[in-house]
C-alpha atoms as a PDB file:
ATOM      1  CA  UNK A   1      21.064  11.139   9.200  1.00  0.00           C
ATOM      2  CA  UNK A   2      19.013  13.848  11.321  1.00  0.00           C
ATOM      3  CA  UNK A   3      15.919  13.633  13.105  1.00  0.00           C
ATOM      4  CA  UNK A   4      13.126  14.864  11.214  1.00  0.00           C
ATOM      5  CA  UNK A   5       9.241  14.761  10.206  1.00  0.00           C
ATOM      6  CA  UNK A   6       9.015  12.770   6.704  1.00  0.00           C
ATOM      7  CA  UNK A   7       5.202  12.800   6.641  1.00  0.00           C
ATOM      8  CA  UNK A   8       2.025  14.414   8.470  1.00  0.00           C
ATOM      9  CA  UNK A   9      -1.336  13.425   7.927  1.00  0.00           C
ATOM     10  CA  UNK A  10      -1.646  16.031   5.640  1.00  0.00           C
ATOM     11  CA  UNK A  11       1.323  15.122   3.157  1.00  0.00           C
ATOM     12  CA  UNK A  12      -0.238  15.025  -0.372  1.00  0.00           C
ATOM     13  CA  UNK A  13       0.882  11.993  -2.111  1.00  0.00           C
ATOM     14  CA  UNK A  14       1.753  11.993  -6.263  1.00  0.00           C
ATOM     15  CA  UNK A  15      -1.144  10.411  -7.848  1.00  0.00           C
ATOM     16  CA  UNK A  16      -0.944   8.090 -10.707  1.00  0.00           C
ATOM     17  CA  UNK A  17      -3.309   5.865 -12.732  1.00  0.00           C
ATOM     18  CA  UNK A  18      -2.745   2.211 -12.276  1.00  0.00           C
ATOM     19  CA  UNK A  19      -0.912  -0.258 -14.917  1.00  0.00           C
ATOM     20  CA  UNK A  20      -4.490  -1.629 -16.707  1.00  0.00           C
ATOM     21  CA  UNK A  21      -2.967  -5.275 -15.672  1.00  0.00           C
ATOM     22  CA  UNK A  22      -3.616  -4.306 -12.367  1.00  0.00           C
ATOM     23  CA  UNK A  23      -7.165  -2.701 -12.439  1.00  0.00           C
ATOM     24  CA  UNK A  24      -9.814  -4.732 -11.580  1.00  0.00           C
ATOM     25  CA  UNK A  25     -12.749  -2.614 -11.148  1.00  0.00           C
ATOM     26  CA  UNK A  26     -13.002   0.825 -12.434  1.00  0.00           C
ATOM     27  CA  UNK A  27      -9.568   3.148 -13.275  1.00  0.00           C
ATOM     28  CA  UNK A  28      -8.659   5.131 -10.270  1.00  0.00           C
ATOM     29  CA  UNK A  29      -5.261   6.619  -9.386  1.00  0.00           C
ATOM     30  CA  UNK A  30      -3.177   5.419  -6.495  1.00  0.00           C
ATOM     31  CA  UNK A  31      -0.942   8.067  -4.332  1.00  0.00           C
ATOM     32  CA  UNK A  32       2.590   7.300  -3.535  1.00  0.00           C
ATOM     33  CA  UNK A  33       5.714   9.243  -1.881  1.00  0.00           C
ATOM     34  CA  UNK A  34       8.863   7.464  -1.201  1.00  0.00           C
ATOM     35  CA  UNK A  35      10.921   8.728   1.395  1.00  0.00           C
ATOM     36  CA  UNK A  36      14.817   9.379   0.916  1.00  0.00           C
ATOM     37  CA  UNK A  37      16.902   6.485   1.525  1.00  0.00           C
ATOM     38  CA  UNK A  38      16.915   5.852   5.139  1.00  0.00           C
ATOM     39  CA  UNK A  39      18.820   3.078   7.053  1.00  0.00           C
ATOM     40  CA  UNK A  40      19.424   1.172   3.460  1.00  0.00           C
ATOM     41  CA  UNK A  41      15.598   0.487   3.103  1.00  0.00           C
ATOM     42  CA  UNK A  42      13.248   1.749   0.660  1.00  0.00           C
ATOM     43  CA  UNK A  43      10.272   3.249   2.662  1.00  0.00           C
ATOM     44  CA  UNK A  44       7.060   5.707   2.032  1.00  0.00           C
ATOM     45  CA  UNK A  45       3.712   5.768   2.101  1.00  0.00           C
ATOM     46  CA  UNK A  46       0.777   4.691  -0.287  1.00  0.00           C
ATOM     47  CA  UNK A  47      -2.651   5.086  -0.973  1.00  0.00           C
ATOM     48  CA  UNK A  48      -5.738   3.381  -2.396  1.00  0.00           C
ATOM     49  CA  UNK A  49      -9.471   4.802  -2.985  1.00  0.00           C
ATOM     50  CA  UNK A  50     -12.353   2.045  -2.984  1.00  0.00           C
ATOM     51  CA  UNK A  51     -12.002  -0.315  -5.715  1.00  0.00           C
ATOM     52  CA  UNK A  52     -10.249  -3.090  -6.504  1.00  0.00           C
ATOM     53  CA  UNK A  53      -6.903  -3.986  -7.914  1.00  0.00           C
ATOM     54  CA  UNK A  54      -4.060  -6.656  -8.317  1.00  0.00           C
ATOM     55  CA  UNK A  55      -0.757  -6.830  -7.627  1.00  0.00           C
ATOM     56  CA  UNK A  56       2.478  -9.187  -7.245  1.00  0.00           C
ATOM     57  CA  UNK A  57       3.939  -7.871  -4.225  1.00  0.00           C
ATOM     58  CA  UNK A  58       7.622  -7.652  -3.128  1.00  0.00           C
ATOM     59  CA  UNK A  59       8.835  -8.264   0.231  1.00  0.00           C
ATOM     60  CA  UNK A  60       7.137  -5.910   1.977  1.00  0.00           C
ATOM     61  CA  UNK A  61       5.966  -4.957   5.715  1.00  0.00           C
ATOM     62  CA  UNK A  62       3.464  -2.251   5.769  1.00  0.00           C
ATOM     63  CA  UNK A  63       1.048  -0.664   8.639  1.00  0.00           C
ATOM     64  CA  UNK A  64      -2.364   0.296   7.789  1.00  0.00           C
ATOM     65  CA  UNK A  65      -2.338   4.168   8.794  1.00  0.00           C
ATOM     66  CA  UNK A  66      -5.893   4.693   7.562  1.00  0.00           C
ATOM     67  CA  UNK A  67      -9.082   2.741   5.910  1.00  0.00           C
ATOM     68  CA  UNK A  68     -10.047  -0.730   5.441  1.00  0.00           C
ATOM     69  CA  UNK A  69      -9.426  -3.565   2.783  1.00  0.00           C
ATOM     70  CA  UNK A  70      -9.516  -7.216   2.061  1.00  0.00           C
ATOM     71  CA  UNK A  71      -6.984  -8.304   0.444  1.00  0.00           C
ATOM     72  CA  UNK A  72      -6.467 -11.848  -1.108  1.00  0.00           C
ATOM     73  CA  UNK A  73      -3.513 -13.683  -1.063  1.00  0.00           C
ATOM     74  CA  UNK A  74      -2.940 -16.286  -3.956  1.00  0.00           C
ATOM     75  CA  UNK A  75      -6.593 -16.803  -4.382  1.00  0.00           C
ATOM     76  CA  UNK A  76      -7.111 -18.655  -1.431  1.00  0.00           C
ATOM     77  CA  UNK A  77      -6.753 -16.649   2.126  1.00  0.00           C
ATOM     78  CA  UNK A  78      -8.019 -13.189   2.648  1.00  0.00           C
ATOM     79  CA  UNK A  79      -6.633 -10.808   5.412  1.00  0.00           C
ATOM     80  CA  UNK A  80      -8.999  -8.036   6.683  1.00  0.00           C
ATOM     81  CA  UNK A  81      -6.995  -4.829   7.253  1.00  0.00           C
ATOM     82  CA  UNK A  82      -7.503  -1.735   9.177  1.00  0.00           C
ATOM     83  CA  UNK A  83      -5.687   1.096  10.797  1.00  0.00           C
ATOM     84  CA  UNK A  84      -3.081  -0.006  13.470  1.00  0.00           C
ATOM     85  CA  UNK A  85      -2.699  -3.636  11.659  1.00  0.00           C
ATOM     86  CA  UNK A  86       0.945  -4.550  10.320  1.00  0.00           C
ATOM     87  CA  UNK A  87       0.986  -6.911   7.601  1.00  0.00           C
ATOM     88  CA  UNK A  88       3.991  -8.865   6.134  1.00  0.00           C
ATOM     89  CA  UNK A  89       4.111 -10.098   2.449  1.00  0.00           C
ATOM     90  CA  UNK A  90       6.628 -12.513   0.810  1.00  0.00           C
ATOM     91  CA  UNK A  91       7.981 -11.798  -2.527  1.00  0.00           C
ATOM     92  CA  UNK A  92       5.885 -12.960  -5.603  1.00  0.00           C
ATOM     93  CA  UNK A  93       2.427 -13.544  -3.675  1.00  0.00           C
ATOM     94  CA  UNK A  94      -0.591 -12.339  -6.025  1.00  0.00           C
ATOM     95  CA  UNK A  95      -2.608 -10.111  -4.140  1.00  0.00           C
ATOM     96  CA  UNK A  96      -6.109  -8.721  -4.741  1.00  0.00           C
ATOM     97  CA  UNK A  97      -6.926  -5.713  -2.879  1.00  0.00           C
ATOM     98  CA  UNK A  98     -10.779  -4.791  -2.318  1.00  0.00           C
ATOM     99  CA  UNK A  99     -10.514  -1.688  -1.035  1.00  0.00           C
ATOM    100  CA  UNK A 100     -13.752  -0.259   1.277  1.00  0.00           C
ATOM    101  CA  UNK A 101     -12.404   2.830   2.920  1.00  0.00           C
ATOM    102  CA  UNK A 102      -9.806   4.727   1.426  1.00  0.00           C
ATOM    103  CA  UNK A 103      -6.421   3.342   2.299  1.00  0.00           C
ATOM    104  CA  UNK A 104      -3.137   4.403   3.582  1.00  0.00           C
ATOM    105  CA  UNK A 105      -0.370   2.826   4.312  1.00  0.00           C
ATOM    106  CA  UNK A 106       3.217   3.251   5.530  1.00  0.00           C
ATOM    107  CA  UNK A 107       5.725   0.659   3.827  1.00  0.00           C
ATOM    108  CA  UNK A 108       8.905  -0.953   4.228  1.00  0.00           C
ATOM    109  CA  UNK A 109      10.560  -2.740   1.383  1.00  0.00           C
ATOM    110  CA  UNK A 110      13.886  -4.618   1.061  1.00  0.00           C
END
């Protein structure tokens, strides 16, 4: 696989509405782009505007590029994340995202 830039800070992500069962606050769109299969893992960029949403997560590692959020895990602990933070999720955990500054992350899943 040749070396190349996959995205820049100007990369526009494909916007799509959240499924209604993920929405907590108001309806909004999230952005997503998945890069070509690199090293047998899936990876890409994801963004989330200010607001709240819920997910059942996959095995994932992500790095916050911009923005801030509080992520409640299984209704118990809360992670406060911001630029430079790298987070690991186990598949099956239930999260509530409270995004206070529009967030963009780079993610890798199995």
